[in-house]
């Protein structure tokens, strides 16, 4: 993909997503869980394929011996490199916002039984792929996807990104509402988008500020690698 095309499509998706917030999510929310589950099974399956196809012995990397050896060999640079994996953990803070909709037991169960195994398989699969294709580090995930399933996975990845973005937007609305109720945030207009679900709300001011900031960051960086470096990839 050309960088300009990716940035343009990303901005179109972002503007479309934020423009539909005032309609609420109740009409499409039933699709969120299946999309995320399909996405997790996709990356887990691709990871398992890469492990078997490229390097079945990659499972040995689970041993703490190798991380100890890595730090002994690299010294200070190893600890600096450790900061580069922050993005693999940063998404977990969104689960705390979901505690208003789900119990801690259900979040914990989903993480242990589905999310964590699929992520580990994917990371190990990428490691197995890179062990034989060292020149693909920049786009290792998409390069490791088998050709026949590339476009279906790409579509699912885009849908999963939209669902993830929606989760962050909804969480932001929820946090702002809570802060407003506690008197810790300026007065804003809060619109309830559902007659039956009290937690589904829309805050116009926050919505448009988020949209402008997201589009600005996308255009300014223009590269997921640079955004990852700023966020902790």
C-alpha atoms as a PDB file:
ATOM      1  CA  UNK A   1       0.000   0.000   0.000  1.00  0.00           C
ATOM      2  CA  UNK A   2       1.105   3.570  -0.642  1.00  0.00           C
ATOM      3  CA  UNK A   3       1.366   5.689   2.492  1.00  0.00           C
ATOM      4  CA  UNK A   4      -0.840   8.430   1.046  1.00  0.00           C
ATOM      5  CA  UNK A   5      -3.618   5.980   0.219  1.00  0.00           C
ATOM      6  CA  UNK A   6      -3.486   4.421   3.682  1.00  0.00           C
ATOM      7  CA  UNK A   7      -3.671   7.846   5.354  1.00  0.00           C
ATOM      8  CA  UNK A   8      -6.585   8.911   3.143  1.00  0.00           C
ATOM      9  CA  UNK A   9      -8.566   5.720   3.799  1.00  0.00           C
ATOM     10  CA  UNK A  10      -7.832   5.977   7.525  1.00  0.00           C
ATOM     11  CA  UNK A  11      -9.123   9.545   7.623  1.00  0.00           C
ATOM     12  CA  UNK A  12     -12.277   8.577   5.712  1.00  0.00           C
ATOM     13  CA  UNK A  13     -12.975   5.727   8.148  1.00  0.00           C
ATOM     14  CA  UNK A  14     -12.339   8.003  11.144  1.00  0.00           C
ATOM     15  CA  UNK A  15     -14.600  10.793   9.878  1.00  0.00           C
ATOM     16  CA  UNK A  16     -17.332   8.287   9.032  1.00  0.00           C
ATOM     17  CA  UNK A  17     -17.075   6.631  12.446  1.00  0.00           C
ATOM     18  CA  UNK A  18     -17.273   9.888  14.399  1.00  0.00           C
ATOM     19  CA  UNK A  19     -20.052  11.226  12.174  1.00  0.00           C
ATOM     20  CA  UNK A  20     -22.278   8.265  13.066  1.00  0.00           C
ATOM     21  CA  UNK A  21     -21.825   8.526  16.828  1.00  0.00           C
ATOM     22  CA  UNK A  22     -24.976  10.602  17.316  1.00  0.00           C
ATOM     23  CA  UNK A  23     -27.064   7.681  16.065  1.00  0.00           C
ATOM     24  CA  UNK A  24     -25.857   5.433  18.881  1.00  0.00           C
ATOM     25  CA  UNK A  25     -24.496   1.913  18.661  1.00  0.00           C
ATOM     26  CA  UNK A  26     -27.555  -0.138  19.589  1.00  0.00           C
ATOM     27  CA  UNK A  27     -28.345  -1.034  15.958  1.00  0.00           C
ATOM     28  CA  UNK A  28     -24.872  -2.421  15.185  1.00  0.00           C
ATOM     29  CA  UNK A  29     -23.568  -3.401  18.632  1.00  0.00           C
ATOM     30  CA  UNK A  30     -24.690  -7.009  18.129  1.00  0.00           C
ATOM     31  CA  UNK A  31     -21.966  -7.326  15.453  1.00  0.00           C
ATOM     32  CA  UNK A  32     -19.100  -6.203  17.680  1.00  0.00           C
ATOM     33  CA  UNK A  33     -18.559  -9.443  19.598  1.00  0.00           C
ATOM     34  CA  UNK A  34     -18.613 -11.730  16.509  1.00  0.00           C
ATOM     35  CA  UNK A  35     -16.189  -9.416  14.671  1.00  0.00           C
ATOM     36  CA  UNK A  36     -13.729  -9.385  17.573  1.00  0.00           C
ATOM     37  CA  UNK A  37     -13.967 -13.154  18.076  1.00  0.00           C
ATOM     38  CA  UNK A  38     -13.419 -13.802  14.354  1.00  0.00           C
ATOM     39  CA  UNK A  39     -10.443 -11.422  14.446  1.00  0.00           C
ATOM     40  CA  UNK A  40      -8.886 -13.178  17.441  1.00  0.00           C
ATOM     41  CA  UNK A  41      -9.344 -16.596  15.867  1.00  0.00           C
ATOM     42  CA  UNK A  42      -7.861 -15.254  12.611  1.00  0.00           C
ATOM     43  CA  UNK A  43      -4.673 -13.968  14.224  1.00  0.00           C
ATOM     44  CA  UNK A  44      -4.421 -17.074  16.407  1.00  0.00           C
ATOM     45  CA  UNK A  45      -4.807 -19.337  13.392  1.00  0.00           C
ATOM     46  CA  UNK A  46      -2.298 -17.354  11.330  1.00  0.00           C
ATOM     47  CA  UNK A  47       0.145 -17.476  14.221  1.00  0.00           C
ATOM     48  CA  UNK A  48      -0.246 -21.250  14.527  1.00  0.00           C
ATOM     49  CA  UNK A  49       0.270 -21.635  10.770  1.00  0.00           C
ATOM     50  CA  UNK A  50       3.467 -19.590  10.872  1.00  0.00           C
ATOM     51  CA  UNK A  51       4.790 -21.571  13.829  1.00  0.00           C
ATOM     52  CA  UNK A  52       4.273 -24.868  12.003  1.00  0.00           C
ATOM     53  CA  UNK A  53       5.424 -23.556   8.621  1.00  0.00           C
ATOM     54  CA  UNK A  54       8.459 -21.478   9.552  1.00  0.00           C
ATOM     55  CA  UNK A  55       9.880 -22.541  12.898  1.00  0.00           C
ATOM     56  CA  UNK A  56       8.147 -25.136  15.113  1.00  0.00           C
ATOM     57  CA  UNK A  57      10.871 -24.724  17.741  1.00  0.00           C
ATOM     58  CA  UNK A  58       9.847 -21.136  18.458  1.00  0.00           C
ATOM     59  CA  UNK A  59       7.880 -22.355  21.489  1.00  0.00           C
ATOM     60  CA  UNK A  60      11.215 -22.550  23.317  1.00  0.00           C
ATOM     61  CA  UNK A  61      11.184 -18.744  23.476  1.00  0.00           C
ATOM     62  CA  UNK A  62       8.632 -19.035  26.302  1.00  0.00           C
ATOM     63  CA  UNK A  63      11.474 -20.137  28.587  1.00  0.00           C
ATOM     64  CA  UNK A  64      12.726 -17.304  30.888  1.00  0.00           C
ATOM     65  CA  UNK A  65      16.257 -18.439  30.028  1.00  0.00           C
ATOM     66  CA  UNK A  66      16.220 -16.497  26.781  1.00  0.00           C
ATOM     67  CA  UNK A  67      15.069 -13.188  28.251  1.00  0.00           C
ATOM     68  CA  UNK A  68      17.793 -13.464  30.911  1.00  0.00           C
ATOM     69  CA  UNK A  69      20.326 -14.220  28.185  1.00  0.00           C
ATOM     70  CA  UNK A  70      19.011 -11.287  26.156  1.00  0.00           C
ATOM     71  CA  UNK A  71      19.534  -8.828  29.024  1.00  0.00           C
ATOM     72  CA  UNK A  72      22.973 -10.222  29.805  1.00  0.00           C
ATOM     73  CA  UNK A  73      24.018  -9.843  26.184  1.00  0.00           C
ATOM     74  CA  UNK A  74      22.563  -6.419  25.467  1.00  0.00           C
ATOM     75  CA  UNK A  75      22.891  -4.717  28.852  1.00  0.00           C
ATOM     76  CA  UNK A  76      21.316  -1.259  28.987  1.00  0.00           C
ATOM     77  CA  UNK A  77      20.205  -1.446  25.355  1.00  0.00           C
ATOM     78  CA  UNK A  78      18.097  -4.468  26.270  1.00  0.00           C
ATOM     79  CA  UNK A  79      16.096  -2.498  28.826  1.00  0.00           C
ATOM     80  CA  UNK A  80      15.631   0.309  26.301  1.00  0.00           C
ATOM     81  CA  UNK A  81      14.365  -2.238  23.752  1.00  0.00           C
ATOM     82  CA  UNK A  82      11.950  -3.578  26.367  1.00  0.00           C
ATOM     83  CA  UNK A  83      10.107  -0.240  26.198  1.00  0.00           C
ATOM     84  CA  UNK A  84       9.333  -0.999  22.560  1.00  0.00           C
ATOM     85  CA  UNK A  85       6.823  -3.734  23.486  1.00  0.00           C
ATOM     86  CA  UNK A  86       4.628  -1.395  25.531  1.00  0.00           C
ATOM     87  CA  UNK A  87       1.905  -1.369  22.870  1.00  0.00           C
ATOM     88  CA  UNK A  88       1.290  -5.086  23.413  1.00  0.00           C
ATOM     89  CA  UNK A  89      -0.009  -4.202  26.891  1.00  0.00           C
ATOM     90  CA  UNK A  90      -1.488  -0.726  26.519  1.00  0.00           C
ATOM     91  CA  UNK A  91      -4.833  -1.952  25.212  1.00  0.00           C
ATOM     92  CA  UNK A  92      -5.551  -3.628  28.516  1.00  0.00           C
ATOM     93  CA  UNK A  93      -6.501  -0.329  30.171  1.00  0.00           C
ATOM     94  CA  UNK A  94      -9.656  -0.244  28.044  1.00  0.00           C
ATOM     95  CA  UNK A  95     -10.905  -3.275  29.990  1.00  0.00           C
ATOM     96  CA  UNK A  96     -11.273  -1.138  33.093  1.00  0.00           C
ATOM     97  CA  UNK A  97     -13.784   1.078  31.292  1.00  0.00           C
ATOM     98  CA  UNK A  98     -15.726  -2.068  30.327  1.00  0.00           C
ATOM     99  CA  UNK A  99     -16.219  -2.975  33.976  1.00  0.00           C
ATOM    100  CA  UNK A 100     -19.264  -0.707  33.890  1.00  0.00           C
ATOM    101  CA  UNK A 101     -20.867  -3.090  31.383  1.00  0.00           C
ATOM    102  CA  UNK A 102     -19.395  -6.476  32.349  1.00  0.00           C
ATOM    103  CA  UNK A 103     -18.353  -8.154  35.564  1.00  0.00           C
ATOM    104  CA  UNK A 104     -14.683  -8.572  36.417  1.00  0.00           C
ATOM    105  CA  UNK A 105     -15.127 -12.361  36.264  1.00  0.00           C
ATOM    106  CA  UNK A 106     -16.444 -12.247  32.674  1.00  0.00           C
ATOM    107  CA  UNK A 107     -13.604  -9.953  31.536  1.00  0.00           C
ATOM    108  CA  UNK A 108     -11.050 -12.211  33.228  1.00  0.00           C
ATOM    109  CA  UNK A 109     -12.579 -15.365  31.724  1.00  0.00           C
ATOM    110  CA  UNK A 110     -12.603 -13.924  28.177  1.00  0.00           C
ATOM    111  CA  UNK A 111      -8.990 -12.805  28.526  1.00  0.00           C
ATOM    112  CA  UNK A 112      -7.683 -16.115  29.851  1.00  0.00           C
ATOM    113  CA  UNK A 113      -9.597 -18.459  27.537  1.00  0.00           C
ATOM    114  CA  UNK A 114      -9.609 -16.579  24.208  1.00  0.00           C
ATOM    115  CA  UNK A 115      -7.686 -13.313  24.065  1.00  0.00           C
ATOM    116  CA  UNK A 116      -4.405 -14.313  25.703  1.00  0.00           C
ATOM    117  CA  UNK A 117      -3.952 -17.651  23.856  1.00  0.00           C
ATOM    118  CA  UNK A 118      -4.687 -16.032  20.473  1.00  0.00           C
ATOM    119  CA  UNK A 119      -2.267 -13.160  21.136  1.00  0.00           C
ATOM    120  CA  UNK A 120       0.503 -15.506  22.260  1.00  0.00           C
ATOM    121  CA  UNK A 121       0.039 -17.659  19.147  1.00  0.00           C
ATOM    122  CA  UNK A 122       0.171 -14.545  16.965  1.00  0.00           C
ATOM    123  CA  UNK A 123       3.323 -13.154  18.603  1.00  0.00           C
ATOM    124  CA  UNK A 124       5.040 -16.536  18.419  1.00  0.00           C
ATOM    125  CA  UNK A 125       3.942 -16.887  14.810  1.00  0.00           C
ATOM    126  CA  UNK A 126       5.444 -13.521  13.901  1.00  0.00           C
ATOM    127  CA  UNK A 127       8.654 -14.487  15.703  1.00  0.00           C
ATOM    128  CA  UNK A 128       8.760 -17.759  13.751  1.00  0.00           C
ATOM    129  CA  UNK A 129       8.193 -15.864  10.490  1.00  0.00           C
ATOM    130  CA  UNK A 130      10.882 -13.295  11.275  1.00  0.00           C
ATOM    131  CA  UNK A 131      13.373 -16.003  12.223  1.00  0.00           C
ATOM    132  CA  UNK A 132      13.388 -16.976   8.536  1.00  0.00           C
ATOM    133  CA  UNK A 133      12.522 -13.579   6.999  1.00  0.00           C
ATOM    134  CA  UNK A 134      14.614 -10.994   8.794  1.00  0.00           C
ATOM    135  CA  UNK A 135      14.026  -8.304   6.159  1.00  0.00           C
ATOM    136  CA  UNK A 136      10.272  -8.111   6.843  1.00  0.00           C
ATOM    137  CA  UNK A 137      10.423  -6.521  10.279  1.00  0.00           C
ATOM    138  CA  UNK A 138       8.629  -3.334   9.218  1.00  0.00           C
ATOM    139  CA  UNK A 139       5.402  -5.054   8.143  1.00  0.00           C
ATOM    140  CA  UNK A 140       5.859  -8.491   9.677  1.00  0.00           C
ATOM    141  CA  UNK A 141       2.202  -9.031  10.522  1.00  0.00           C
ATOM    142  CA  UNK A 142       0.742  -8.532   7.055  1.00  0.00           C
ATOM    143  CA  UNK A 143       3.754 -10.136   5.370  1.00  0.00           C
ATOM    144  CA  UNK A 144       3.241 -13.262   7.464  1.00  0.00           C
ATOM    145  CA  UNK A 145      -0.378 -13.715   6.326  1.00  0.00           C
ATOM    146  CA  UNK A 146      -0.690 -16.491   3.693  1.00  0.00           C
ATOM    147  CA  UNK A 147      -1.568 -15.054   0.289  1.00  0.00           C
ATOM    148  CA  UNK A 148      -4.964 -16.764  -0.241  1.00  0.00           C
ATOM    149  CA  UNK A 149      -6.417 -15.322   2.974  1.00  0.00           C
ATOM    150  CA  UNK A 150      -4.751 -11.898   2.904  1.00  0.00           C
ATOM    151  CA  UNK A 151      -7.751  -9.840   1.757  1.00  0.00           C
ATOM    152  CA  UNK A 152     -10.334 -11.561   3.976  1.00  0.00           C
ATOM    153  CA  UNK A 153      -8.034 -11.012   6.964  1.00  0.00           C
ATOM    154  CA  UNK A 154      -7.476  -7.408   5.886  1.00  0.00           C
ATOM    155  CA  UNK A 155     -11.238  -6.787   5.859  1.00  0.00           C
ATOM    156  CA  UNK A 156     -11.666  -8.401   9.280  1.00  0.00           C
ATOM    157  CA  UNK A 157      -8.712  -6.366  10.574  1.00  0.00           C
ATOM    158  CA  UNK A 158     -10.338  -3.142   9.372  1.00  0.00           C
ATOM    159  CA  UNK A 159     -13.655  -4.063  11.000  1.00  0.00           C
ATOM    160  CA  UNK A 160     -11.859  -5.011  14.225  1.00  0.00           C
ATOM    161  CA  UNK A 161     -10.052  -1.664  14.184  1.00  0.00           C
ATOM    162  CA  UNK A 162     -13.397   0.117  13.867  1.00  0.00           C
ATOM    163  CA  UNK A 163     -14.815  -1.903  16.772  1.00  0.00           C
ATOM    164  CA  UNK A 164     -11.742  -1.125  18.862  1.00  0.00           C
ATOM    165  CA  UNK A 165     -12.018   2.560  18.038  1.00  0.00           C
ATOM    166  CA  UNK A 166     -15.705   2.519  18.944  1.00  0.00           C
ATOM    167  CA  UNK A 167     -14.870   0.920  22.292  1.00  0.00           C
ATOM    168  CA  UNK A 168     -12.388   3.707  23.073  1.00  0.00           C
ATOM    169  CA  UNK A 169     -14.858   6.400  21.990  1.00  0.00           C
ATOM    170  CA  UNK A 170     -17.637   4.919  24.119  1.00  0.00           C
ATOM    171  CA  UNK A 171     -15.241   4.586  27.053  1.00  0.00           C
ATOM    172  CA  UNK A 172     -14.258   8.251  26.662  1.00  0.00           C
ATOM    173  CA  UNK A 173     -17.912   9.319  26.725  1.00  0.00           C
ATOM    174  CA  UNK A 174     -18.452   7.211  29.838  1.00  0.00           C
ATOM    175  CA  UNK A 175     -15.419   8.642  31.653  1.00  0.00           C
ATOM    176  CA  UNK A 176     -16.358  12.229  30.793  1.00  0.00           C
ATOM    177  CA  UNK A 177     -19.901  11.610  32.029  1.00  0.00           C
ATOM    178  CA  UNK A 178     -18.575  10.247  35.322  1.00  0.00           C
ATOM    179  CA  UNK A 179     -16.212  13.199  35.734  1.00  0.00           C
ATOM    180  CA  UNK A 180     -19.071  15.592  34.947  1.00  0.00           C
ATOM    181  CA  UNK A 181     -21.246  13.923  37.587  1.00  0.00           C
ATOM    182  CA  UNK A 182     -18.460  14.390  40.140  1.00  0.00           C
ATOM    183  CA  UNK A 183     -18.023  18.043  39.215  1.00  0.00           C
ATOM    184  CA  UNK A 184     -14.549  17.443  37.807  1.00  0.00           C
ATOM    185  CA  UNK A 185     -15.327  18.397  34.209  1.00  0.00           C
ATOM    186  CA  UNK A 186     -16.871  21.451  32.509  1.00  0.00           C
ATOM    187  CA  UNK A 187     -20.554  21.312  31.622  1.00  0.00           C
ATOM    188  CA  UNK A 188     -21.168  19.432  28.373  1.00  0.00           C
ATOM    189  CA  UNK A 189     -24.254  18.214  26.551  1.00  0.00           C
ATOM    190  CA  UNK A 190     -24.923  14.515  27.221  1.00  0.00           C
ATOM    191  CA  UNK A 191     -27.340  12.767  24.852  1.00  0.00           C
ATOM    192  CA  UNK A 192     -28.774   9.333  25.644  1.00  0.00           C
ATOM    193  CA  UNK A 193     -28.907   7.412  22.374  1.00  0.00           C
ATOM    194  CA  UNK A 194     -30.857   4.431  23.689  1.00  0.00           C
ATOM    195  CA  UNK A 195     -34.222   4.205  25.423  1.00  0.00           C
ATOM    196  CA  UNK A 196     -33.316   0.975  27.178  1.00  0.00           C
ATOM    197  CA  UNK A 197     -29.550   1.063  27.858  1.00  0.00           C
ATOM    198  CA  UNK A 198     -28.600   3.892  30.192  1.00  0.00           C
ATOM    199  CA  UNK A 199     -24.873   3.641  29.456  1.00  0.00           C
ATOM    200  CA  UNK A 200     -25.163   4.409  25.727  1.00  0.00           C
ATOM    201  CA  UNK A 201     -24.519   8.146  25.493  1.00  0.00           C
ATOM    202  CA  UNK A 202     -23.194  10.718  23.055  1.00  0.00           C
ATOM    203  CA  UNK A 203     -21.293  13.919  23.903  1.00  0.00           C
ATOM    204  CA  UNK A 204     -21.035  16.176  20.815  1.00  0.00           C
ATOM    205  CA  UNK A 205     -18.163  18.371  22.043  1.00  0.00           C
ATOM    206  CA  UNK A 206     -15.981  15.408  23.003  1.00  0.00           C
ATOM    207  CA  UNK A 207     -16.865  13.570  19.807  1.00  0.00           C
ATOM    208  CA  UNK A 208     -15.717  16.347  17.471  1.00  0.00           C
ATOM    209  CA  UNK A 209     -12.604  17.139  19.512  1.00  0.00           C
ATOM    210  CA  UNK A 210     -11.618  13.476  19.363  1.00  0.00           C
ATOM    211  CA  UNK A 211     -12.249  13.365  15.624  1.00  0.00           C
ATOM    212  CA  UNK A 212     -10.067  16.413  14.935  1.00  0.00           C
ATOM    213  CA  UNK A 213      -7.270  15.071  17.134  1.00  0.00           C
ATOM    214  CA  UNK A 214      -7.391  11.587  15.592  1.00  0.00           C
ATOM    215  CA  UNK A 215      -7.333  12.914  12.024  1.00  0.00           C
ATOM    216  CA  UNK A 216      -4.528  15.343  12.924  1.00  0.00           C
ATOM    217  CA  UNK A 217      -2.400  12.574  14.425  1.00  0.00           C
ATOM    218  CA  UNK A 218      -3.057  10.298  11.438  1.00  0.00           C
ATOM    219  CA  UNK A 219      -2.071  12.972   8.920  1.00  0.00           C
ATOM    220  CA  UNK A 220       0.890  14.260  10.947  1.00  0.00           C
ATOM    221  CA  UNK A 221       2.510  10.866  11.500  1.00  0.00           C
ATOM    222  CA  UNK A 222       1.329   9.209   8.289  1.00  0.00           C
ATOM    223  CA  UNK A 223       2.928   5.924   9.345  1.00  0.00           C
ATOM    224  CA  UNK A 224       1.812   3.295  11.834  1.00  0.00           C
ATOM    225  CA  UNK A 225       5.431   2.651  12.748  1.00  0.00           C
ATOM    226  CA  UNK A 226       5.922   6.268  13.811  1.00  0.00           C
ATOM    227  CA  UNK A 227       2.662   6.236  15.773  1.00  0.00           C
ATOM    228  CA  UNK A 228       3.748   2.997  17.409  1.00  0.00           C
ATOM    229  CA  UNK A 229       7.077   4.547  18.370  1.00  0.00           C
ATOM    230  CA  UNK A 230       5.278   7.478  19.996  1.00  0.00           C
ATOM    231  CA  UNK A 231       2.837   5.195  21.816  1.00  0.00           C
ATOM    232  CA  UNK A 232       5.271   2.391  22.610  1.00  0.00           C
ATOM    233  CA  UNK A 233       5.048  -0.311  19.970  1.00  0.00           C
END
